[in-house]
Amino acid sequence: MKAVLATAILLALVSPAAANQCPQLMNEVDAKLQTTQISAADKTKVTKLRQEGEAAHKAGDHAKSEAALNEALGLLK
């Protein structure tokens, strides 16, 4: 029983921290988008993924947000 309670407390503390990663990723995408030379097609993809990431973050789907934002960052490398 103590293990279940400890796990619940840990998850409650970790979830808000994970939610804070989305804005950091969005800022990183924005910064790299300004400085990285990419094709117009890739820029369109990155912009779309950035928008999807922000929308998912606002909807509370942080896993989807992080996935879209990390994909966008992958295109910016």
C-alpha atoms as a PDB file:
ATOM      1  CA  MET A   1       0.000   0.000   0.000  1.00  0.00           C
ATOM      2  CA  LYS A   2       2.842   2.384   0.810  1.00  0.00           C
ATOM      3  CA  ALA A   3       4.414   1.682  -2.578  1.00  0.00           C
ATOM      4  CA  VAL A   4       1.180   2.585  -4.365  1.00  0.00           C
ATOM      5  CA  LEU A   5       0.890   5.810  -2.408  1.00  0.00           C
ATOM      6  CA  ALA A   6       4.529   6.680  -3.045  1.00  0.00           C
ATOM      7  CA  THR A   7       4.075   6.042  -6.771  1.00  0.00           C
ATOM      8  CA  ALA A   8       0.958   8.221  -6.879  1.00  0.00           C
ATOM      9  CA  ILE A   9       2.772  11.060  -5.144  1.00  0.00           C
ATOM     10  CA  LEU A  10       5.743  10.730  -7.478  1.00  0.00           C
ATOM     11  CA  LEU A  11       3.503  10.844 -10.562  1.00  0.00           C
ATOM     12  CA  ALA A  12       1.686  13.878  -9.202  1.00  0.00           C
ATOM     13  CA  LEU A  13       4.990  15.684  -8.850  1.00  0.00           C
ATOM     14  CA  VAL A  14       6.447  14.578 -12.185  1.00  0.00           C
ATOM     15  CA  SER A  15       3.436  15.406 -14.371  1.00  0.00           C
ATOM     16  CA  PRO A  16       3.602  19.177 -13.872  1.00  0.00           C
ATOM     17  CA  ALA A  17       7.334  19.095 -14.532  1.00  0.00           C
ATOM     18  CA  ALA A  18       6.760  17.298 -17.826  1.00  0.00           C
ATOM     19  CA  ALA A  19       4.174  19.900 -18.800  1.00  0.00           C
ATOM     20  CA  ASN A  20       6.830  22.573 -18.406  1.00  0.00           C
ATOM     21  CA  GLN A  21       9.033  20.926 -21.017  1.00  0.00           C
ATOM     22  CA  CYS A  22       6.613  21.767 -23.826  1.00  0.00           C
ATOM     23  CA  PRO A  23       7.142  25.546 -23.623  1.00  0.00           C
ATOM     24  CA  GLN A  24      10.909  25.013 -23.535  1.00  0.00           C
ATOM     25  CA  LEU A  25      10.708  22.873 -26.655  1.00  0.00           C
ATOM     26  CA  MET A  26       8.525  25.473 -28.377  1.00  0.00           C
ATOM     27  CA  ASN A  27      11.075  28.168 -27.555  1.00  0.00           C
ATOM     28  CA  GLU A  28      13.873  25.973 -28.880  1.00  0.00           C
ATOM     29  CA  VAL A  29      11.987  25.385 -32.138  1.00  0.00           C
ATOM     30  CA  ASP A  30      11.329  29.121 -32.476  1.00  0.00           C
ATOM     31  CA  ALA A  31      14.992  30.006 -31.896  1.00  0.00           C
ATOM     32  CA  LYS A  32      16.344  27.398 -34.291  1.00  0.00           C
ATOM     33  CA  LEU A  33      13.762  28.300 -36.920  1.00  0.00           C
ATOM     34  CA  GLN A  34      15.203  31.829 -36.954  1.00  0.00           C
ATOM     35  CA  THR A  35      18.817  30.735 -37.367  1.00  0.00           C
ATOM     36  CA  THR A  36      18.801  27.430 -39.265  1.00  0.00           C
ATOM     37  CA  GLN A  37      18.953  27.387 -43.057  1.00  0.00           C
ATOM     38  CA  ILE A  38      16.316  24.932 -44.323  1.00  0.00           C
ATOM     39  CA  SER A  39      14.227  24.543 -47.445  1.00  0.00           C
ATOM     40  CA  ALA A  40      10.838  26.215 -47.727  1.00  0.00           C
ATOM     41  CA  ALA A  41       9.153  22.802 -47.607  1.00  0.00           C
ATOM     42  CA  ASP A  42      10.951  21.870 -44.387  1.00  0.00           C
ATOM     43  CA  LYS A  43      10.161  25.270 -42.897  1.00  0.00           C
ATOM     44  CA  THR A  44       6.483  24.652 -43.629  1.00  0.00           C
ATOM     45  CA  LYS A  45       6.690  21.224 -41.947  1.00  0.00           C
ATOM     46  CA  VAL A  46       8.467  22.650 -38.904  1.00  0.00           C
ATOM     47  CA  THR A  47       5.923  25.451 -38.581  1.00  0.00           C
ATOM     48  CA  LYS A  48       3.034  22.986 -38.792  1.00  0.00           C
ATOM     49  CA  LEU A  49       4.616  20.671 -36.214  1.00  0.00           C
ATOM     50  CA  ARG A  50       5.262  23.666 -33.936  1.00  0.00           C
ATOM     51  CA  GLN A  51       1.583  24.634 -34.154  1.00  0.00           C
ATOM     52  CA  GLU A  52       0.482  21.043 -33.511  1.00  0.00           C
ATOM     53  CA  GLY A  53       2.786  20.884 -30.505  1.00  0.00           C
ATOM     54  CA  GLU A  54       1.392  24.076 -29.024  1.00  0.00           C
ATOM     55  CA  ALA A  55      -2.208  22.966 -29.608  1.00  0.00           C
ATOM     56  CA  ALA A  56      -1.560  19.587 -27.989  1.00  0.00           C
ATOM     57  CA  HIS A  57       0.124  21.298 -25.024  1.00  0.00           C
ATOM     58  CA  LYS A  58      -2.857  23.604 -24.531  1.00  0.00           C
ATOM     59  CA  ALA A  59      -5.171  20.583 -24.743  1.00  0.00           C
ATOM     60  CA  GLY A  60      -3.154  18.828 -22.030  1.00  0.00           C
ATOM     61  CA  ASP A  61      -1.713  16.131 -24.300  1.00  0.00           C
ATOM     62  CA  HIS A  62       1.925  16.686 -23.407  1.00  0.00           C
ATOM     63  CA  ALA A  63       3.165  13.430 -24.910  1.00  0.00           C
ATOM     64  CA  LYS A  64       1.730  14.392 -28.302  1.00  0.00           C
ATOM     65  CA  SER A  65       3.082  17.916 -27.893  1.00  0.00           C
ATOM     66  CA  GLU A  66       6.593  16.698 -27.127  1.00  0.00           C
ATOM     67  CA  ALA A  67       6.502  14.244 -30.021  1.00  0.00           C
ATOM     68  CA  ALA A  68       5.531  16.957 -32.531  1.00  0.00           C
ATOM     69  CA  LEU A  69       8.042  19.439 -31.138  1.00  0.00           C
ATOM     70  CA  ASN A  70      10.872  16.919 -31.074  1.00  0.00           C
ATOM     71  CA  GLU A  71      10.073  15.982 -34.677  1.00  0.00           C
ATOM     72  CA  ALA A  72      10.273  19.658 -35.588  1.00  0.00           C
ATOM     73  CA  LEU A  73      13.627  19.950 -33.844  1.00  0.00           C
ATOM     74  CA  GLY A  74      14.854  16.915 -35.757  1.00  0.00           C
ATOM     75  CA  LEU A  75      14.154  18.734 -39.019  1.00  0.00           C
ATOM     76  CA  LEU A  76      16.090  21.761 -37.789  1.00  0.00           C
ATOM     77  CA  LYS A  77      19.365  19.900 -37.184  1.00  0.00           C
END
